[in-house]
């Protein structure tokens, strides 16, 4: 089993009967111009796809599923590739793959799939929509945890009870969403420390022999969110944590390969990363796009509200909105700084301009609010790119007002049947607790 780090969360796993490519994102911005890759991908699409029989998509965030990558796959090659994903993937993703001639296999959670050459693949979910992939080729085992939010030892042990001890663990090592108000640098440092503590807990519970830190090779790339780069963890931070937790760190720079179990000298890769992270404040930033008028925002809101009403029970939504303990779907006061205007937004009560004067719950560019209204994953995108200003109270109000989008895009819908489903109440309750505690509960 040979691992090649392509970039960020994209790795190529070379097996005895072919290669499996994970989460390809090779170039261009993600999350509404909020992210860019720290390092240009050194490999072209043709060399990356060479020998690939399978592509694994852990989830549909654009740093894991980048449509532009699939657009360049030639029809003849597409016919030879099977795309693996969790069975709960959206209809839109499945239709997209079908139109490009790619065979898609929706993997049932916890069910082993036997691939050619005696390779066993298994997937599972954690949280709202993040999915892990486990591979066993007869000699070595690999667990690609990507963004799955295992932050405590007991959760890691539960996963280990399902799959055993992996030879190689691949996991995220830095924060990947809004970590707190701009003025609170300490909140960003807490978020960075939390990710490293979670990595150590994963190692303690799973007991892998080797750990490859990945899925964090990005920077916040907009004028509105560049301050979030000041506390991001580097691979050197991750390597120290991994070694301190009792595993062997395997640090690969994009384009580098490693045979699982072989001796590895990380010094050159760490030095290269140190230089990149040392210059992160000099990296180019996107500027705000053209503003969106209040009339256009009102029309976009109409489509947004219609989607919510079609995907959820309006009766249950109104019921949830009346429960004081939830404080759900209530009005949110948004300051649109580029328009010098305030609007009140609520999935239940509508969209309307309001007179300036009262303190807003949240401040953002009008194009960000339009993006939220126009796109699935719109609210998710805003949380991940951090292109807004709010204190903890304002963030909590925004999450409770607009966070239903997170449920819907992860396959959950607010209705009588879902509220009675025990497997769905757990993630919902944990999400509400995260909102109340001021934690952003979205990973990329």
Protein backbone atom coordinates (compact mmCIF):
# COMPACT_ATOMS: atom_id res chain seq x y z
CA UNK A 1 0.00 0.00 0.00
CA UNK A 2 1.54 3.28 -1.18
CA UNK A 3 0.16 6.72 -0.28
CA UNK A 4 0.67 9.82 -2.41
CA UNK A 5 -0.42 13.17 -1.00
CA UNK A 6 -1.90 15.10 -3.90
CA UNK A 7 -3.06 18.13 -1.89
CA UNK A 8 -5.15 19.02 1.16
CA UNK A 9 -7.57 16.06 1.65
CA UNK A 10 -6.74 14.41 -1.66
CA UNK A 11 -4.58 11.31 -1.43
CA UNK A 12 -3.96 8.54 -3.93
CA UNK A 13 -3.83 5.06 -2.41
CA UNK A 14 -2.01 2.60 -4.65
CA UNK A 15 -3.17 -0.95 -4.08
CA UNK A 16 -2.28 -4.28 -5.67
CA UNK A 17 -5.04 -4.08 -8.30
CA UNK A 18 -5.27 -0.35 -8.93
CA UNK A 19 -5.50 2.97 -7.17
CA UNK A 20 -8.17 4.75 -5.14
CA UNK A 21 -8.28 8.54 -5.16
CA UNK A 22 -9.82 10.40 -2.23
CA UNK A 23 -11.58 13.79 -2.25
CA UNK A 24 -9.96 15.49 -5.27
CA UNK A 25 -9.70 19.30 -5.12
CA UNK A 26 -6.72 20.47 -7.15
CA UNK A 27 -7.13 24.20 -7.78
CA UNK A 28 -9.31 27.27 -7.53
CA UNK A 29 -11.14 28.81 -4.59
CA UNK A 30 -13.67 27.05 -2.38
CA UNK A 31 -16.46 28.19 -0.08
CA UNK A 32 -17.44 31.34 -1.97
CA UNK A 33 -13.88 32.64 -2.35
CA UNK A 34 -13.22 31.96 1.32
CA UNK A 35 -10.50 29.32 0.93
CA UNK A 36 -7.52 28.64 -1.30
CA UNK A 37 -4.96 25.86 -1.29
CA UNK A 38 -1.79 26.84 0.55
CA UNK A 39 0.40 25.11 -2.02
CA UNK A 40 -0.29 24.78 -5.76
CA UNK A 41 -0.91 21.15 -6.69
CA UNK A 42 2.35 19.92 -8.29
CA UNK A 43 0.67 17.12 -10.28
CA UNK A 44 -1.60 17.39 -13.31
CA UNK A 45 -4.96 15.66 -13.56
CA UNK A 46 -3.70 13.05 -16.05
CA UNK A 47 -0.94 11.80 -13.76
CA UNK A 48 -3.23 11.88 -10.74
CA UNK A 49 -5.86 9.79 -12.54
CA UNK A 50 -3.34 7.30 -13.93
CA UNK A 51 -4.28 3.83 -12.71
CA UNK A 52 -7.26 5.07 -10.69
CA UNK A 53 -10.15 2.60 -10.51
CA UNK A 54 -12.03 4.18 -7.60
CA UNK A 55 -12.68 7.68 -6.30
CA UNK A 56 -13.92 8.15 -2.74
CA UNK A 57 -15.98 11.24 -1.88
CA UNK A 58 -16.27 11.65 1.88
CA UNK A 59 -18.86 14.43 1.64
CA UNK A 60 -20.02 17.22 -0.63
CA UNK A 61 -18.13 20.21 0.67
CA UNK A 62 -16.17 21.78 -2.23
CA UNK A 63 -12.76 21.02 -0.73
CA UNK A 64 -13.68 17.31 -0.99
CA UNK A 65 -15.99 17.25 -4.00
CA UNK A 66 -14.80 19.78 -6.59
CA UNK A 67 -16.94 19.44 -9.74
CA UNK A 68 -14.28 21.02 -11.95
CA UNK A 69 -12.08 17.96 -11.37
CA UNK A 70 -14.72 15.58 -12.72
CA UNK A 71 -15.32 17.82 -15.72
CA UNK A 72 -11.85 16.98 -17.09
CA UNK A 73 -12.24 13.18 -16.94
CA UNK A 74 -12.51 11.85 -20.48
CA UNK A 75 -15.58 9.68 -21.24
CA UNK A 76 -13.45 6.63 -21.99
CA UNK A 77 -11.69 6.91 -18.64
CA UNK A 78 -14.92 7.68 -16.79
CA UNK A 79 -16.27 4.31 -17.86
CA UNK A 80 -13.45 2.60 -15.93
CA UNK A 81 -13.92 4.50 -12.66
CA UNK A 82 -16.33 3.78 -9.82
CA UNK A 83 -17.11 6.63 -7.43
CA UNK A 84 -17.67 5.49 -3.86
CA UNK A 85 -19.75 7.57 -1.48
CA UNK A 86 -21.97 7.09 1.54
CA UNK A 87 -25.48 6.00 0.63
CA UNK A 88 -26.88 9.24 2.09
CA UNK A 89 -25.25 11.37 -0.61
CA UNK A 90 -27.59 13.85 -2.25
CA UNK A 91 -29.58 13.16 -5.40
CA UNK A 92 -27.80 16.11 -7.00
CA UNK A 93 -24.41 14.44 -6.54
CA UNK A 94 -25.63 11.12 -7.91
CA UNK A 95 -27.17 12.82 -10.95
CA UNK A 96 -24.01 14.83 -11.54
CA UNK A 97 -21.90 11.67 -11.61
CA UNK A 98 -24.38 9.84 -13.83
CA UNK A 99 -24.34 12.63 -16.41
CA UNK A 100 -20.56 12.32 -16.65
CA UNK A 101 -20.68 8.57 -17.26
CA UNK A 102 -19.25 7.65 -13.88
CA UNK A 103 -20.57 4.60 -12.08
CA UNK A 104 -21.48 5.52 -8.50
CA UNK A 105 -21.68 3.08 -5.61
CA UNK A 106 -23.56 4.26 -2.53
CA UNK A 107 -21.97 2.37 0.34
CA UNK A 108 -24.24 1.18 3.13
CA UNK A 109 -22.87 2.24 6.49
CA UNK A 110 -20.94 -0.53 8.21
CA UNK A 111 -21.28 -3.00 5.33
CA UNK A 112 -17.96 -4.38 4.01
CA UNK A 113 -17.42 -4.14 0.25
CA UNK A 114 -14.99 -6.53 -1.39
CA UNK A 115 -13.05 -4.90 -4.21
CA UNK A 116 -10.84 -6.76 -6.71
CA UNK A 117 -7.65 -8.21 -5.27
CA UNK A 118 -9.15 -9.10 -1.91
CA UNK A 119 -9.38 -5.44 -0.81
CA UNK A 120 -12.09 -4.65 1.73
CA UNK A 121 -13.65 -1.19 1.97
CA UNK A 122 -15.92 0.01 4.76
CA UNK A 123 -17.45 3.43 5.42
CA UNK A 124 -19.28 5.08 8.27
CA UNK A 125 -20.52 8.46 9.44
CA UNK A 126 -19.91 10.80 12.33
CA UNK A 127 -21.78 14.00 13.04
CA UNK A 128 -23.91 15.68 10.42
CA UNK A 129 -22.43 14.43 7.15
CA UNK A 130 -18.72 13.63 7.52
CA UNK A 131 -17.88 10.08 6.49
CA UNK A 132 -14.79 7.96 7.07
CA UNK A 133 -13.32 5.24 4.84
CA UNK A 134 -11.49 2.13 6.02
CA UNK A 135 -9.38 0.00 3.64
CA UNK A 136 -7.75 -3.39 4.19
CA UNK A 137 -5.62 -4.99 1.48
CA UNK A 138 -4.55 -8.15 3.31
CA UNK A 139 -1.27 -6.68 4.52
CA UNK A 140 -2.04 -3.15 5.64
CA UNK A 141 -5.03 -1.19 6.94
CA UNK A 142 -5.87 2.47 6.47
CA UNK A 143 -8.45 4.74 8.07
CA UNK A 144 -9.19 8.00 6.26
CA UNK A 145 -10.95 10.00 8.95
CA UNK A 146 -10.71 13.30 6.99
CA UNK A 147 -12.99 15.81 8.80
CA UNK A 148 -14.87 13.42 11.08
CA UNK A 149 -15.09 15.18 14.42
CA UNK A 150 -13.78 12.55 16.83
CA UNK A 151 -12.54 14.70 19.68
CA UNK A 152 -12.52 12.30 22.62
CA UNK A 153 -10.92 8.98 23.41
CA UNK A 154 -14.16 7.09 24.02
CA UNK A 155 -15.52 7.92 20.56
CA UNK A 156 -12.25 6.78 19.02
CA UNK A 157 -12.43 3.54 20.97
CA UNK A 158 -15.95 2.92 19.73
CA UNK A 159 -14.70 3.23 16.17
CA UNK A 160 -11.72 0.99 16.92
CA UNK A 161 -14.13 -1.66 18.18
CA UNK A 162 -15.71 -1.67 14.70
CA UNK A 163 -12.59 -1.72 12.54
CA UNK A 164 -9.66 -2.72 14.75
CA UNK A 165 -6.34 -0.93 15.01
CA UNK A 166 -5.41 0.77 11.70
CA UNK A 167 -1.83 0.78 10.48
CA UNK A 168 -2.28 4.30 9.10
CA UNK A 169 -4.63 7.06 10.23
CA UNK A 170 -5.23 10.13 8.07
CA UNK A 171 -6.82 13.05 9.91
CA UNK A 172 -7.43 16.79 9.89
CA UNK A 173 -5.19 18.90 12.15
CA UNK A 174 -6.41 22.51 12.12
CA UNK A 175 -9.68 24.39 12.52
CA UNK A 176 -11.82 24.63 9.42
CA UNK A 177 -14.65 27.01 10.27
CA UNK A 178 -15.40 30.29 12.04
CA UNK A 179 -13.76 29.89 15.47
CA UNK A 180 -15.08 33.03 17.16
CA UNK A 181 -15.30 36.83 17.04
CA UNK A 182 -12.56 38.77 15.25
CA UNK A 183 -11.38 40.51 18.43
CA UNK A 184 -10.99 37.23 20.34
CA UNK A 185 -7.68 35.84 19.18
CA UNK A 186 -7.77 33.55 22.21
CA UNK A 187 -10.83 31.83 20.71
CA UNK A 188 -8.86 31.01 17.57
CA UNK A 189 -6.01 29.65 19.65
CA UNK A 190 -8.49 27.53 21.62
CA UNK A 191 -9.88 26.17 18.36
CA UNK A 192 -6.38 25.30 17.16
CA UNK A 193 -5.54 23.59 20.45
CA UNK A 194 -8.85 21.74 20.39
CA UNK A 195 -8.01 20.20 17.01
CA UNK A 196 -4.63 18.98 18.27
CA UNK A 197 -6.19 17.62 21.45
CA UNK A 198 -8.74 15.81 19.30
CA UNK A 199 -5.96 14.35 17.16
CA UNK A 200 -4.24 13.05 20.28
CA UNK A 201 -7.52 11.53 21.49
CA UNK A 202 -7.99 9.79 18.15
CA UNK A 203 -4.54 8.27 18.47
CA UNK A 204 -5.17 7.19 22.06
CA UNK A 205 -8.42 5.46 21.13
CA UNK A 206 -7.52 4.01 17.71
CA UNK A 207 -3.84 3.24 18.45
CA UNK A 208 -2.59 3.57 14.86
CA UNK A 209 1.05 2.84 14.15
CA UNK A 210 1.38 5.81 11.76
CA UNK A 211 -0.53 9.08 11.35
CA UNK A 212 -0.56 11.29 8.27
CA UNK A 213 -1.81 14.84 9.08
CA UNK A 214 -3.73 16.24 6.11
CA UNK A 215 -7.02 17.95 5.12
CA UNK A 216 -5.88 21.31 6.54
CA UNK A 217 -3.55 22.55 3.80
CA UNK A 218 -5.58 25.70 3.13
CA UNK A 219 -5.71 29.33 4.15
CA UNK A 220 -8.57 31.76 4.68
CA UNK A 221 -8.26 33.65 1.43
CA UNK A 222 -10.56 36.66 1.58
CA UNK A 223 -10.08 40.20 2.78
CA UNK A 224 -12.95 39.58 5.20
CA UNK A 225 -11.52 36.45 6.84
CA UNK A 226 -7.73 36.69 6.55
CA UNK A 227 -7.41 37.38 10.30
CA UNK A 228 -8.42 33.73 10.88
CA UNK A 229 -5.00 32.61 9.60
CA UNK A 230 -3.11 33.86 12.64
CA UNK A 231 -3.61 30.72 14.75
CA UNK A 232 -3.95 27.87 12.23
CA UNK A 233 -1.93 24.77 13.05
CA UNK A 234 0.95 23.73 10.82
CA UNK A 235 2.10 20.17 10.02
CA UNK A 236 4.93 20.70 12.51
CA UNK A 237 2.37 21.27 15.28
CA UNK A 238 0.59 18.12 14.14
CA UNK A 239 3.79 16.04 14.00
CA UNK A 240 4.67 17.00 17.58
CA UNK A 241 1.19 16.07 18.77
CA UNK A 242 1.27 12.73 16.94
CA UNK A 243 4.67 11.78 18.36
CA UNK A 244 3.61 12.89 21.84
CA UNK A 245 0.52 10.69 21.61
CA UNK A 246 2.62 7.60 20.85
CA UNK A 247 2.30 7.21 17.06
CA UNK A 248 4.79 7.80 14.27
CA UNK A 249 4.08 10.97 12.26
CA UNK A 250 4.28 10.70 8.49
CA UNK A 251 4.55 14.20 7.01
CA UNK A 252 4.17 14.36 3.24
CA UNK A 253 4.41 17.49 1.09
CA UNK A 254 2.08 17.59 -1.93
CA UNK A 255 3.47 15.25 -4.59
CA UNK A 256 5.39 13.03 -2.15
CA UNK A 257 4.79 9.26 -1.82
CA UNK A 258 5.29 6.79 1.02
CA UNK A 259 4.94 3.04 1.31
CA UNK A 260 2.95 2.26 4.43
CA UNK A 261 5.27 0.87 7.08
CA UNK A 262 8.52 2.07 5.52
CA UNK A 263 10.99 4.29 7.37
CA UNK A 264 10.25 7.98 6.82
CA UNK A 265 12.41 11.08 7.32
CA UNK A 266 10.05 14.04 7.74
CA UNK A 267 12.67 16.77 7.97
CA UNK A 268 12.57 17.99 4.36
CA UNK A 269 8.77 18.10 4.26
CA UNK A 270 8.57 19.91 7.60
CA UNK A 271 11.12 22.47 6.47
CA UNK A 272 9.17 23.10 3.27
CA UNK A 273 5.96 23.53 5.24
CA UNK A 274 7.65 25.89 7.71
CA UNK A 275 8.56 28.19 4.83
CA UNK A 276 5.02 28.16 3.44
CA UNK A 277 3.34 28.79 6.78
CA UNK A 278 5.85 31.50 7.59
CA UNK A 279 4.67 33.40 4.49
CA UNK A 280 0.95 32.81 4.93
CA UNK A 281 0.26 36.49 5.66
CA UNK A 282 1.68 37.37 2.24
CA UNK A 283 -0.66 35.12 0.27
CA UNK A 284 -3.13 36.75 -2.17
CA UNK A 285 -6.63 37.57 -0.95
CA UNK A 286 -9.97 37.81 -2.73
CA UNK A 287 -11.83 41.09 -2.57
CA UNK A 288 -15.60 41.45 -2.03
CA UNK A 289 -17.60 40.96 -5.19
CA UNK A 290 -20.25 43.31 -6.50
CA UNK A 291 -23.03 44.10 -4.05
CA UNK A 292 -26.50 42.60 -4.36
CA UNK A 293 -29.48 44.95 -4.14
CA UNK A 294 -32.21 44.58 -1.54
CA UNK A 295 -34.69 43.74 -4.31
CA UNK A 296 -32.44 40.93 -5.57
CA UNK A 297 -31.95 39.66 -2.03
CA UNK A 298 -35.70 39.59 -1.49
CA UNK A 299 -36.19 37.47 -4.61
CA UNK A 300 -33.36 35.13 -3.58
CA UNK A 301 -34.91 34.80 -0.13
CA UNK A 302 -38.17 33.69 -1.75
CA UNK A 303 -36.43 30.73 -3.33
CA UNK A 304 -34.60 29.94 -0.10
CA UNK A 305 -37.81 29.90 1.94
CA UNK A 306 -39.59 27.80 -0.67
CA UNK A 307 -36.80 25.17 -0.46
CA UNK A 308 -37.06 25.03 3.31
CA UNK A 309 -40.83 24.66 3.21
CA UNK A 310 -40.58 21.89 0.60
CA UNK A 311 -37.95 19.95 2.55
CA UNK A 312 -39.44 20.31 6.01
CA UNK A 313 -42.88 20.23 7.53
CA UNK A 314 -44.16 23.84 7.75
CA UNK A 315 -46.33 22.78 10.69
CA UNK A 316 -43.37 21.35 12.61
CA UNK A 317 -41.29 24.40 11.71
CA UNK A 318 -43.94 26.69 13.20
CA UNK A 319 -44.17 24.45 16.28
CA UNK A 320 -40.38 24.52 16.73
CA UNK A 321 -40.39 28.29 16.37
CA UNK A 322 -42.77 28.63 19.32
CA UNK A 323 -40.66 26.62 21.77
CA UNK A 324 -38.72 29.01 24.03
CA UNK A 325 -36.12 26.35 24.86
CA UNK A 326 -35.14 26.04 21.19
CA UNK A 327 -35.33 29.69 20.12
CA UNK A 328 -35.37 28.27 16.60
CA UNK A 329 -36.10 29.94 13.26
CA UNK A 330 -36.55 33.36 14.85
CA UNK A 331 -35.78 36.75 13.27
CA UNK A 332 -32.14 37.67 12.67
CA UNK A 333 -30.98 41.26 12.22
CA UNK A 334 -28.28 41.40 9.50
CA UNK A 335 -26.17 44.48 8.75
CA UNK A 336 -25.16 44.58 5.07
CA UNK A 337 -22.08 46.73 5.33
CA UNK A 338 -21.63 47.37 1.63
CA UNK A 339 -25.23 48.60 1.26
CA UNK A 340 -25.21 50.44 4.60
CA UNK A 341 -28.56 48.75 5.27
CA UNK A 342 -30.11 46.42 7.82
CA UNK A 343 -32.51 43.58 7.06
CA UNK A 344 -34.51 41.21 9.22
CA UNK A 345 -34.44 37.58 8.09
CA UNK A 346 -36.43 34.60 9.32
CA UNK A 347 -37.45 31.32 7.63
CA UNK A 348 -40.86 31.76 9.25
CA UNK A 349 -41.38 35.54 9.33
CA UNK A 350 -39.86 36.61 6.04
CA UNK A 351 -37.29 39.10 4.73
CA UNK A 352 -37.64 42.84 5.13
CA UNK A 353 -35.45 45.94 5.31
CA UNK A 354 -35.47 47.61 8.72
CA UNK A 355 -34.39 51.02 9.95
CA UNK A 356 -30.78 51.18 11.12
CA UNK A 357 -30.11 51.97 14.76
CA UNK A 358 -30.38 48.77 16.76
CA UNK A 359 -27.24 46.66 17.05
CA UNK A 360 -27.18 43.90 14.41
CA UNK A 361 -26.84 40.24 15.29
CA UNK A 362 -24.41 39.71 12.44
CA UNK A 363 -22.66 41.81 9.78
CA UNK A 364 -21.72 40.62 6.31
CA UNK A 365 -21.45 41.62 2.65
CA UNK A 366 -24.68 41.47 0.66
CA UNK A 367 -23.15 38.89 -1.71
CA UNK A 368 -22.62 36.51 1.22
CA UNK A 369 -26.27 36.70 2.20
CA UNK A 370 -27.27 36.20 -1.42
CA UNK A 371 -25.03 33.13 -1.64
CA UNK A 372 -26.68 31.72 1.49
CA UNK A 373 -30.12 32.15 -0.06
CA UNK A 374 -29.23 30.85 -3.52
CA UNK A 375 -27.21 27.71 -2.78
CA UNK A 376 -27.57 24.44 -0.97
CA UNK A 377 -24.79 24.41 1.63
CA UNK A 378 -25.15 28.22 1.68
CA UNK A 379 -25.24 28.53 5.46
CA UNK A 380 -22.55 25.87 5.77
CA UNK A 381 -20.40 27.89 3.39
CA UNK A 382 -20.76 30.99 5.53
CA UNK A 383 -19.74 29.10 8.68
CA UNK A 384 -16.73 27.54 6.99
CA UNK A 385 -15.44 30.67 5.25
CA UNK A 386 -16.02 32.90 8.27
CA UNK A 387 -16.92 35.87 6.08
CA UNK A 388 -19.09 37.56 8.70
CA UNK A 389 -18.74 39.49 11.95
CA UNK A 390 -20.63 38.53 15.09
CA UNK A 391 -20.20 38.12 18.81
CA UNK A 392 -21.13 34.82 20.44
CA UNK A 393 -24.70 35.91 21.05
CA UNK A 394 -25.14 36.99 17.43
CA UNK A 395 -23.61 33.78 16.15
CA UNK A 396 -25.94 31.73 18.32
CA UNK A 397 -28.98 33.63 17.02
CA UNK A 398 -27.81 33.15 13.44
CA UNK A 399 -27.28 29.41 13.91
CA UNK A 400 -30.72 28.95 15.43
CA UNK A 401 -32.39 31.08 12.77
CA UNK A 402 -30.65 29.82 9.64
CA UNK A 403 -29.10 26.51 10.71
CA UNK A 404 -31.94 24.39 9.34
CA UNK A 405 -29.99 24.48 6.07
CA UNK A 406 -27.28 22.37 7.75
CA UNK A 407 -29.81 19.68 8.61
CA UNK A 408 -31.31 19.61 5.12
CA UNK A 409 -28.03 19.44 3.20
CA UNK A 410 -26.90 16.54 5.37
CA UNK A 411 -30.03 14.51 4.66
CA UNK A 412 -32.01 15.47 7.77
CA UNK A 413 -35.42 17.09 7.56
CA UNK A 414 -37.60 18.67 10.19
CA UNK A 415 -40.83 16.69 10.37
CA UNK A 416 -42.89 14.54 12.69
CA UNK A 417 -41.24 11.31 11.53
CA UNK A 418 -37.68 12.60 11.96
CA UNK A 419 -38.38 13.96 15.43
CA UNK A 420 -39.52 10.48 16.49
CA UNK A 421 -36.46 8.79 14.97
CA UNK A 422 -33.97 8.14 17.80
CA UNK A 423 -30.97 8.10 15.47
CA UNK A 424 -31.77 11.60 14.30
CA UNK A 425 -32.43 13.25 17.62
CA UNK A 426 -28.84 12.67 18.81
CA UNK A 427 -27.05 14.75 16.16
CA UNK A 428 -29.76 17.41 16.37
CA UNK A 429 -29.42 17.72 20.13
CA UNK A 430 -25.61 17.79 19.98
CA UNK A 431 -25.83 20.51 17.34
CA UNK A 432 -28.15 22.61 19.49
CA UNK A 433 -25.84 22.18 22.48
CA UNK A 434 -22.90 23.29 20.33
CA UNK A 435 -24.79 26.39 19.28
CA UNK A 436 -25.71 27.23 22.87
CA UNK A 437 -22.09 26.87 23.97
CA UNK A 438 -20.88 29.16 21.19
CA UNK A 439 -19.16 26.45 19.16
CA UNK A 440 -19.20 26.28 15.39
CA UNK A 441 -20.25 22.68 14.73
CA UNK A 442 -19.28 22.54 11.06
CA UNK A 443 -16.12 20.91 9.72
CA UNK A 444 -15.06 21.16 6.12
